[in-house]
Amino acid sequence: MSSNNIYQFNALKIPGQELSLSQYKNKVLLIVNTASECGFTPQFKDMVALKNEFSGQDFEILSFPSNDFGGQEPLEGEEIIEFCKNYGANFPIFEKIRVRGPYADPLYKFFADKKQNGVVSSVPRWNFHKFLINRSGEVVAFYYPFTNPTSSKIKKKITKLLAADH
């Protein structure tokens, strides 16, 4: 297995269930660091709309709550799930992690290091930073928080990745 993909990482899905990201092989993924008290929090509804738009295709959104920016994720575990239900969240939500700095989760250290992932060096500057992953688990793009999940830029790229052979 290539080391420049996300399949080498595990994550804790709420409530603390360890999960290998390799279970998302052959899927196009949008990985987003989220927070419940952020100005971008309404993007949860757009993430739901995006997931619905690509329903039945090999597409998934993974939400990684983080309290790294302005203390905007005070909730823990099941409280986060309950909050996300307000937006109709229909995608996996993982345990709260660090997404930048020396204590960043290994997945986000991978995103930050072009030598590791082979494509980008991108550290989230705020909540709702998005990474787009192809069917091979490789990072292909990232989007800043102000880029809405339902933007044509993101949707066109997802459509192209879904159409690619796998």
N, C-alpha and C. Protein backbone atom coordinates (compact mmCIF):
# COMPACT_ATOMS: atom_id res chain seq x y z
N MET A 1 0.84 -1.19 0.00
CA MET A 1 0.00 0.00 0.00
C MET A 1 0.88 1.24 0.00
N SER A 2 0.53 2.17 -0.84
CA SER A 2 1.27 3.43 -0.93
C SER A 2 1.14 4.21 0.38
N SER A 3 2.24 4.84 0.78
CA SER A 3 2.19 5.59 2.03
C SER A 3 1.72 7.02 1.82
N ASN A 4 1.43 7.39 0.55
CA ASN A 4 0.97 8.75 0.31
C ASN A 4 -0.56 8.81 0.22
N ASN A 5 -1.22 7.88 0.93
CA ASN A 5 -2.68 7.94 0.99
C ASN A 5 -3.15 7.90 2.44
N ILE A 6 -4.42 8.15 2.63
CA ILE A 6 -4.97 8.25 4.00
C ILE A 6 -5.29 6.90 4.62
N TYR A 7 -5.17 5.82 3.84
CA TYR A 7 -5.58 4.51 4.33
C TYR A 7 -4.70 3.97 5.46
N GLN A 8 -3.55 4.59 5.67
CA GLN A 8 -2.65 4.16 6.74
C GLN A 8 -3.12 4.66 8.12
N PHE A 9 -4.14 5.52 8.15
CA PHE A 9 -4.56 6.15 9.41
C PHE A 9 -5.83 5.53 9.98
N ASN A 10 -5.92 5.59 11.29
CA ASN A 10 -7.13 5.22 12.01
C ASN A 10 -7.72 6.48 12.61
N ALA A 11 -9.00 6.44 12.87
CA ALA A 11 -9.67 7.57 13.52
C ALA A 11 -10.69 7.01 14.49
N LEU A 12 -11.06 7.81 15.48
CA LEU A 12 -12.08 7.39 16.44
C LEU A 12 -13.41 8.00 16.06
N LYS A 13 -14.34 7.14 15.69
CA LYS A 13 -15.69 7.60 15.39
C LYS A 13 -16.44 7.68 16.71
N ILE A 14 -17.21 8.72 16.88
CA ILE A 14 -18.00 8.85 18.12
C ILE A 14 -18.94 7.66 18.18
N PRO A 15 -19.01 6.91 19.26
CA PRO A 15 -18.44 7.12 20.60
C PRO A 15 -17.16 6.32 20.85
N GLY A 16 -16.05 6.73 20.31
CA GLY A 16 -14.76 6.10 20.59
C GLY A 16 -14.49 4.81 19.86
N GLN A 17 -15.21 4.56 18.77
CA GLN A 17 -15.02 3.34 17.98
C GLN A 17 -13.88 3.56 17.00
N GLU A 18 -12.78 2.79 17.15
CA GLU A 18 -11.65 2.95 16.24
C GLU A 18 -11.98 2.38 14.87
N LEU A 19 -11.58 3.12 13.86
CA LEU A 19 -11.94 2.82 12.50
C LEU A 19 -10.74 3.08 11.61
N SER A 20 -10.44 2.15 10.73
CA SER A 20 -9.37 2.37 9.76
C SER A 20 -9.95 3.16 8.59
N LEU A 21 -9.24 4.19 8.17
CA LEU A 21 -9.73 4.96 7.02
C LEU A 21 -9.66 4.13 5.73
N SER A 22 -9.00 2.97 5.79
CA SER A 22 -8.98 2.09 4.61
C SER A 22 -10.38 1.57 4.28
N GLN A 23 -11.30 1.67 5.22
CA GLN A 23 -12.66 1.23 4.92
C GLN A 23 -13.33 2.14 3.88
N TYR A 24 -12.71 3.27 3.59
CA TYR A 24 -13.24 4.20 2.58
C TYR A 24 -12.54 4.05 1.23
N LYS A 25 -11.82 2.93 1.04
CA LYS A 25 -11.16 2.69 -0.25
C LYS A 25 -12.18 2.76 -1.37
N ASN A 26 -11.74 3.29 -2.50
CA ASN A 26 -12.56 3.42 -3.70
C ASN A 26 -13.70 4.43 -3.56
N LYS A 27 -13.66 5.25 -2.53
CA LYS A 27 -14.64 6.33 -2.38
C LYS A 27 -13.93 7.66 -2.53
N VAL A 28 -14.66 8.64 -3.03
CA VAL A 28 -14.19 10.02 -3.05
C VAL A 28 -14.63 10.62 -1.72
N LEU A 29 -13.71 11.29 -1.04
CA LEU A 29 -14.00 11.82 0.29
C LEU A 29 -13.79 13.32 0.36
N LEU A 30 -14.64 13.97 1.14
CA LEU A 30 -14.41 15.35 1.53
C LEU A 30 -14.24 15.32 3.05
N ILE A 31 -13.04 15.64 3.50
CA ILE A 31 -12.73 15.61 4.94
C ILE A 31 -12.72 17.05 5.44
N VAL A 32 -13.50 17.31 6.48
CA VAL A 32 -13.71 18.67 6.96
C VAL A 32 -13.49 18.73 8.47
N ASN A 33 -12.70 19.72 8.93
CA ASN A 33 -12.61 19.94 10.37
C ASN A 33 -13.73 20.92 10.74
N THR A 34 -14.55 20.52 11.69
CA THR A 34 -15.79 21.25 11.99
C THR A 34 -15.81 21.77 13.43
N ALA A 35 -16.76 22.64 13.70
CA ALA A 35 -16.97 23.18 15.05
C ALA A 35 -18.41 23.65 15.16
N SER A 36 -18.98 23.54 16.35
CA SER A 36 -20.39 23.86 16.54
C SER A 36 -20.68 25.33 16.78
N GLU A 37 -19.67 26.12 17.13
CA GLU A 37 -19.91 27.53 17.46
C GLU A 37 -19.12 28.48 16.57
N CYS A 38 -19.02 28.15 15.31
CA CYS A 38 -18.23 28.92 14.34
C CYS A 38 -19.16 29.67 13.39
N GLY A 39 -18.68 30.76 12.85
CA GLY A 39 -19.44 31.48 11.84
C GLY A 39 -19.72 30.63 10.60
N PHE A 40 -18.87 29.61 10.38
CA PHE A 40 -19.05 28.72 9.24
C PHE A 40 -19.91 27.50 9.57
N THR A 41 -20.37 27.37 10.81
CA THR A 41 -21.16 26.21 11.23
C THR A 41 -22.36 25.94 10.34
N PRO A 42 -23.03 26.97 9.79
CA PRO A 42 -24.15 26.68 8.87
C PRO A 42 -23.74 25.84 7.66
N GLN A 43 -22.43 25.71 7.40
CA GLN A 43 -22.00 24.84 6.30
C GLN A 43 -22.38 23.38 6.55
N PHE A 44 -22.72 23.02 7.79
CA PHE A 44 -23.20 21.65 8.03
C PHE A 44 -24.38 21.35 7.11
N LYS A 45 -25.30 22.31 6.96
CA LYS A 45 -26.46 22.05 6.10
C LYS A 45 -26.04 21.89 4.64
N ASP A 46 -24.98 22.60 4.24
CA ASP A 46 -24.47 22.47 2.87
C ASP A 46 -23.73 21.13 2.70
N MET A 47 -23.08 20.67 3.75
CA MET A 47 -22.43 19.36 3.70
C MET A 47 -23.50 18.27 3.52
N VAL A 48 -24.63 18.41 4.21
CA VAL A 48 -25.75 17.47 4.07
C VAL A 48 -26.28 17.52 2.64
N ALA A 49 -26.45 18.73 2.10
CA ALA A 49 -26.96 18.88 0.72
C ALA A 49 -25.99 18.24 -0.28
N LEU A 50 -24.70 18.44 -0.06
CA LEU A 50 -23.69 17.85 -0.95
C LEU A 50 -23.75 16.33 -0.88
N LYS A 51 -23.82 15.80 0.31
CA LYS A 51 -23.91 14.34 0.50
C LYS A 51 -25.16 13.81 -0.21
N ASN A 52 -26.28 14.52 -0.07
CA ASN A 52 -27.52 14.10 -0.73
C ASN A 52 -27.40 14.16 -2.25
N GLU A 53 -26.74 15.19 -2.74
CA GLU A 53 -26.59 15.36 -4.19
C GLU A 53 -25.85 14.18 -4.82
N PHE A 54 -24.86 13.65 -4.09
CA PHE A 54 -24.06 12.54 -4.61
C PHE A 54 -24.48 11.20 -3.99
N SER A 55 -25.68 11.16 -3.43
CA SER A 55 -26.21 9.95 -2.82
C SER A 55 -26.21 8.80 -3.82
N GLY A 56 -25.85 7.62 -3.34
CA GLY A 56 -25.83 6.45 -4.21
C GLY A 56 -24.57 6.32 -5.03
N GLN A 57 -23.68 7.31 -4.91
CA GLN A 57 -22.40 7.24 -5.59
C GLN A 57 -21.34 6.98 -4.53
N ASP A 58 -20.14 6.69 -4.96
CA ASP A 58 -19.07 6.38 -4.00
C ASP A 58 -18.46 7.67 -3.43
N PHE A 59 -19.29 8.39 -2.69
CA PHE A 59 -18.86 9.66 -2.10
C PHE A 59 -19.23 9.68 -0.62
N GLU A 60 -18.30 10.22 0.19
CA GLU A 60 -18.57 10.34 1.62
C GLU A 60 -17.92 11.61 2.15
N ILE A 61 -18.54 12.17 3.16
CA ILE A 61 -17.99 13.31 3.88
C ILE A 61 -17.60 12.80 5.27
N LEU A 62 -16.41 13.17 5.73
CA LEU A 62 -15.97 12.81 7.07
C LEU A 62 -15.78 14.10 7.86
N SER A 63 -16.43 14.18 9.00
CA SER A 63 -16.37 15.38 9.85
C SER A 63 -15.47 15.11 11.05
N PHE A 64 -14.47 15.97 11.21
CA PHE A 64 -13.53 15.88 12.33
C PHE A 64 -13.65 17.15 13.17
N PRO A 65 -14.46 17.12 14.23
CA PRO A 65 -14.59 18.29 15.10
C PRO A 65 -13.23 18.66 15.72
N SER A 66 -13.02 19.96 15.87
CA SER A 66 -11.77 20.45 16.46
C SER A 66 -12.05 21.72 17.25
N ASN A 67 -11.33 21.86 18.34
CA ASN A 67 -11.46 23.05 19.20
C ASN A 67 -10.24 23.96 19.04
N ASP A 68 -9.50 23.79 17.93
CA ASP A 68 -8.24 24.51 17.74
C ASP A 68 -8.41 26.00 17.44
N PHE A 69 -9.58 26.40 17.03
CA PHE A 69 -9.76 27.78 16.57
C PHE A 69 -10.79 28.50 17.43
N GLY A 70 -10.32 29.38 18.26
CA GLY A 70 -11.21 30.21 19.06
C GLY A 70 -12.07 29.46 20.05
N GLY A 71 -11.68 28.23 20.41
CA GLY A 71 -12.48 27.46 21.36
C GLY A 71 -13.91 27.25 20.88
N GLN A 72 -14.08 27.09 19.56
CA GLN A 72 -15.42 27.05 18.99
C GLN A 72 -16.05 25.67 18.96
N GLU A 73 -15.37 24.68 19.55
CA GLU A 73 -15.99 23.36 19.69
C GLU A 73 -15.90 22.93 21.15
N PRO A 74 -16.79 23.46 22.00
CA PRO A 74 -16.77 23.10 23.41
C PRO A 74 -17.42 21.75 23.70
N LEU A 75 -18.17 21.22 22.74
CA LEU A 75 -18.90 19.97 22.96
C LEU A 75 -17.95 18.78 22.89
N GLU A 76 -18.41 17.66 23.44
CA GLU A 76 -17.64 16.41 23.43
C GLU A 76 -18.54 15.26 22.97
N GLY A 77 -17.94 14.28 22.31
CA GLY A 77 -18.60 13.01 22.01
C GLY A 77 -20.04 13.12 21.53
N GLU A 78 -20.93 12.45 22.28
CA GLU A 78 -22.34 12.38 21.91
C GLU A 78 -22.99 13.76 21.80
N GLU A 79 -22.48 14.76 22.56
CA GLU A 79 -23.03 16.12 22.46
C GLU A 79 -22.82 16.66 21.04
N ILE A 80 -21.69 16.32 20.46
CA ILE A 80 -21.40 16.76 19.08
C ILE A 80 -22.38 16.11 18.11
N ILE A 81 -22.61 14.81 18.29
CA ILE A 81 -23.58 14.09 17.43
C ILE A 81 -24.96 14.74 17.54
N GLU A 82 -25.39 14.99 18.77
CA GLU A 82 -26.71 15.61 18.99
C GLU A 82 -26.78 16.97 18.31
N PHE A 83 -25.72 17.76 18.42
CA PHE A 83 -25.70 19.07 17.77
C PHE A 83 -25.82 18.92 16.26
N CYS A 84 -25.05 18.01 15.69
CA CYS A 84 -25.03 17.83 14.23
C CYS A 84 -26.38 17.33 13.71
N LYS A 85 -27.14 16.64 14.55
CA LYS A 85 -28.48 16.18 14.15
C LYS A 85 -29.37 17.37 13.83
N ASN A 86 -29.12 18.53 14.46
CA ASN A 86 -29.90 19.75 14.18
C ASN A 86 -29.80 20.13 12.71
N TYR A 87 -28.71 19.74 12.07
CA TYR A 87 -28.50 20.05 10.66
C TYR A 87 -28.81 18.85 9.77
N GLY A 88 -29.24 17.75 10.37
CA GLY A 88 -29.55 16.56 9.60
C GLY A 88 -28.32 15.80 9.14
N ALA A 89 -27.22 15.92 9.88
CA ALA A 89 -25.95 15.29 9.49
C ALA A 89 -26.17 13.84 9.08
N ASN A 90 -25.70 13.52 7.89
CA ASN A 90 -25.87 12.18 7.31
C ASN A 90 -24.53 11.60 6.89
N PHE A 91 -23.51 11.94 7.68
CA PHE A 91 -22.14 11.49 7.38
C PHE A 91 -21.44 11.18 8.69
N PRO A 92 -20.36 10.40 8.64
CA PRO A 92 -19.64 10.03 9.87
C PRO A 92 -19.04 11.25 10.57
N ILE A 93 -19.18 11.25 11.89
CA ILE A 93 -18.60 12.30 12.72
C ILE A 93 -17.65 11.62 13.70
N PHE A 94 -16.44 12.13 13.72
CA PHE A 94 -15.39 11.51 14.52
C PHE A 94 -15.18 12.28 15.82
N GLU A 95 -14.43 11.66 16.72
CA GLU A 95 -14.11 12.31 17.98
C GLU A 95 -13.31 13.58 17.72
N LYS A 96 -13.41 14.52 18.63
CA LYS A 96 -12.71 15.79 18.51
C LYS A 96 -11.20 15.55 18.50
N ILE A 97 -10.53 16.24 17.57
CA ILE A 97 -9.07 16.10 17.43
C ILE A 97 -8.42 17.47 17.31
N ARG A 98 -7.10 17.47 17.38
CA ARG A 98 -6.31 18.68 17.06
C ARG A 98 -5.97 18.60 15.58
N VAL A 99 -6.03 19.73 14.89
CA VAL A 99 -5.78 19.71 13.44
C VAL A 99 -4.56 20.53 13.03
N ARG A 100 -3.89 21.15 14.01
CA ARG A 100 -2.67 21.91 13.68
C ARG A 100 -1.75 21.90 14.89
N GLY A 101 -0.49 22.21 14.60
CA GLY A 101 0.49 22.29 15.67
C GLY A 101 1.11 20.94 16.01
N PRO A 102 1.98 20.94 17.02
CA PRO A 102 2.73 19.72 17.36
C PRO A 102 1.85 18.58 17.87
N TYR A 103 0.66 18.89 18.34
CA TYR A 103 -0.23 17.84 18.86
C TYR A 103 -1.31 17.45 17.86
N ALA A 104 -1.15 17.89 16.63
CA ALA A 104 -2.14 17.57 15.59
C ALA A 104 -2.27 16.06 15.42
N ASP A 105 -3.47 15.63 15.10
CA ASP A 105 -3.74 14.24 14.78
C ASP A 105 -2.85 13.82 13.60
N PRO A 106 -2.37 12.56 13.58
CA PRO A 106 -1.50 12.11 12.49
C PRO A 106 -2.09 12.35 11.09
N LEU A 107 -3.40 12.21 10.93
CA LEU A 107 -4.02 12.47 9.63
C LEU A 107 -3.78 13.92 9.21
N TYR A 108 -3.93 14.84 10.14
CA TYR A 108 -3.76 16.26 9.80
C TYR A 108 -2.28 16.64 9.68
N LYS A 109 -1.40 15.91 10.35
CA LYS A 109 0.04 16.11 10.11
C LYS A 109 0.37 15.67 8.68
N PHE A 110 -0.27 14.59 8.24
CA PHE A 110 -0.11 14.11 6.86
C PHE A 110 -0.59 15.17 5.86
N PHE A 111 -1.75 15.77 6.12
CA PHE A 111 -2.26 16.82 5.23
C PHE A 111 -1.31 18.02 5.17
N ALA A 112 -0.62 18.28 6.27
CA ALA A 112 0.24 19.47 6.36
C ALA A 112 1.60 19.28 5.69
N ASP A 113 1.94 18.05 5.32
CA ASP A 113 3.29 17.75 4.85
C ASP A 113 3.29 17.22 3.43
N LYS A 114 3.67 18.08 2.49
CA LYS A 114 3.69 17.68 1.07
C LYS A 114 4.62 16.50 0.83
N LYS A 115 5.69 16.39 1.62
CA LYS A 115 6.61 15.25 1.46
C LYS A 115 5.89 13.94 1.74
N GLN A 116 4.93 13.98 2.67
CA GLN A 116 4.19 12.75 2.99
C GLN A 116 3.07 12.48 2.00
N ASN A 117 2.26 13.51 1.72
CA ASN A 117 1.08 13.24 0.90
C ASN A 117 1.33 13.45 -0.60
N GLY A 118 2.47 14.05 -0.94
CA GLY A 118 2.85 14.18 -2.33
C GLY A 118 2.14 15.25 -3.13
N VAL A 119 1.21 15.98 -2.52
CA VAL A 119 0.40 16.92 -3.29
C VAL A 119 0.36 18.32 -2.67
N VAL A 120 0.01 18.39 -1.40
CA VAL A 120 -0.21 19.71 -0.78
C VAL A 120 0.52 19.83 0.54
N SER A 121 0.69 21.05 0.95
CA SER A 121 1.07 21.34 2.32
C SER A 121 0.01 22.32 2.80
N SER A 122 -0.94 21.81 3.54
CA SER A 122 -2.05 22.67 3.95
C SER A 122 -2.44 22.38 5.38
N VAL A 123 -2.29 23.40 6.21
CA VAL A 123 -2.71 23.32 7.60
C VAL A 123 -3.97 24.16 7.71
N PRO A 124 -5.05 23.62 8.29
CA PRO A 124 -6.25 24.45 8.43
C PRO A 124 -5.94 25.76 9.15
N ARG A 125 -6.46 26.84 8.61
CA ARG A 125 -6.32 28.15 9.25
C ARG A 125 -7.53 28.46 10.11
N TRP A 126 -8.60 27.67 9.91
CA TRP A 126 -9.82 27.88 10.68
C TRP A 126 -10.69 26.64 10.52
N ASN A 127 -11.85 26.64 11.16
CA ASN A 127 -12.81 25.55 11.05
C ASN A 127 -13.36 25.49 9.61
N PHE A 128 -13.78 24.30 9.22
CA PHE A 128 -14.40 24.04 7.92
C PHE A 128 -13.42 24.16 6.75
N HIS A 129 -12.16 23.82 7.03
CA HIS A 129 -11.14 23.65 5.98
C HIS A 129 -11.42 22.27 5.38
N LYS A 130 -11.35 22.15 4.08
CA LYS A 130 -11.78 20.92 3.42
C LYS A 130 -10.65 20.30 2.60
N PHE A 131 -10.54 18.99 2.70
CA PHE A 131 -9.58 18.22 1.88
C PHE A 131 -10.37 17.27 1.01
N LEU A 132 -10.06 17.24 -0.28
CA LEU A 132 -10.71 16.33 -1.20
C LEU A 132 -9.76 15.18 -1.49
N ILE A 133 -10.28 13.97 -1.35
CA ILE A 133 -9.49 12.74 -1.46
C ILE A 133 -10.06 11.91 -2.61
N ASN A 134 -9.17 11.38 -3.47
CA ASN A 134 -9.64 10.57 -4.60
C ASN A 134 -9.88 9.11 -4.17
N ARG A 135 -10.30 8.29 -5.13
CA ARG A 135 -10.64 6.89 -4.84
C ARG A 135 -9.43 6.07 -4.35
N SER A 136 -8.23 6.57 -4.59
CA SER A 136 -7.02 5.88 -4.15
C SER A 136 -6.55 6.37 -2.78
N GLY A 137 -7.34 7.24 -2.16
CA GLY A 137 -6.98 7.75 -0.83
C GLY A 137 -5.97 8.87 -0.85
N GLU A 138 -5.75 9.45 -2.03
CA GLU A 138 -4.75 10.51 -2.16
C GLU A 138 -5.40 11.89 -2.10
N VAL A 139 -4.71 12.82 -1.47
CA VAL A 139 -5.18 14.20 -1.41
C VAL A 139 -5.07 14.79 -2.81
N VAL A 140 -6.15 15.37 -3.31
CA VAL A 140 -6.10 15.97 -4.64
C VAL A 140 -6.34 17.48 -4.60
N ALA A 141 -6.96 17.97 -3.53
CA ALA A 141 -7.22 19.41 -3.43
C ALA A 141 -7.58 19.75 -1.99
N PHE A 142 -7.50 21.05 -1.70
CA PHE A 142 -8.02 21.54 -0.43
C PHE A 142 -8.72 22.86 -0.69
N TYR A 143 -9.63 23.19 0.22
CA TYR A 143 -10.44 24.39 0.08
C TYR A 143 -10.49 25.10 1.43
N TYR A 144 -10.35 26.41 1.38
CA TYR A 144 -10.42 27.21 2.60
C TYR A 144 -11.86 27.26 3.12
N PRO A 145 -12.01 27.61 4.39
CA PRO A 145 -13.35 27.61 5.00
C PRO A 145 -14.40 28.42 4.25
N PHE A 146 -14.00 29.52 3.61
CA PHE A 146 -15.00 30.35 2.94
C PHE A 146 -15.51 29.72 1.64
N THR A 147 -14.90 28.62 1.20
CA THR A 147 -15.42 27.90 0.03
C THR A 147 -16.53 26.97 0.49
N ASN A 148 -17.74 27.27 0.06
CA ASN A 148 -18.89 26.49 0.49
C ASN A 148 -18.82 25.07 -0.07
N PRO A 149 -19.22 24.08 0.73
CA PRO A 149 -19.19 22.69 0.24
C PRO A 149 -19.99 22.48 -1.04
N THR A 150 -21.03 23.27 -1.26
CA THR A 150 -21.85 23.10 -2.46
C THR A 150 -21.40 24.01 -3.61
N SER A 151 -20.22 24.61 -3.49
CA SER A 151 -19.72 25.47 -4.57
C SER A 151 -19.50 24.64 -5.83
N SER A 152 -19.65 25.29 -6.98
CA SER A 152 -19.46 24.57 -8.25
C SER A 152 -18.03 24.04 -8.36
N LYS A 153 -17.06 24.75 -7.78
CA LYS A 153 -15.66 24.33 -7.82
C LYS A 153 -15.51 22.95 -7.17
N ILE A 154 -16.11 22.76 -6.01
CA ILE A 154 -16.01 21.47 -5.30
C ILE A 154 -16.85 20.41 -6.02
N LYS A 155 -18.06 20.75 -6.40
CA LYS A 155 -18.94 19.76 -7.04
C LYS A 155 -18.37 19.26 -8.37
N LYS A 156 -17.78 20.15 -9.16
CA LYS A 156 -17.18 19.73 -10.44
C LYS A 156 -16.03 18.77 -10.20
N LYS A 157 -15.22 19.06 -9.20
CA LYS A 157 -14.07 18.19 -8.90
C LYS A 157 -14.55 16.82 -8.41
N ILE A 158 -15.57 16.80 -7.55
CA ILE A 158 -16.11 15.52 -7.07
C ILE A 158 -16.67 14.71 -8.25
N THR A 159 -17.42 15.36 -9.11
CA THR A 159 -17.99 14.68 -10.28
C THR A 159 -16.89 14.07 -11.14
N LYS A 160 -15.83 14.83 -11.36
CA LYS A 160 -14.70 14.35 -12.16
C LYS A 160 -14.04 13.14 -11.48
N LEU A 161 -13.84 13.23 -10.16
CA LEU A 161 -13.20 12.12 -9.43
C LEU A 161 -14.08 10.88 -9.43
N LEU A 162 -15.38 11.06 -9.30
CA LEU A 162 -16.29 9.92 -9.31
C LEU A 162 -16.32 9.23 -10.68
N ALA A 163 -16.12 10.01 -11.73
CA ALA A 163 -16.15 9.46 -13.09
C ALA A 163 -14.84 8.74 -13.44
N ALA A 164 -13.78 9.03 -12.68
CA ALA A 164 -12.48 8.41 -12.95
C ALA A 164 -12.53 6.91 -12.69
N ASP A 165 -11.77 6.17 -13.48
CA ASP A 165 -11.68 4.72 -13.26
C ASP A 165 -11.09 4.45 -11.89
N HIS A 166 -11.51 3.35 -11.32
CA HIS A 166 -10.94 2.95 -10.03
C HIS A 166 -10.66 1.47 -10.00
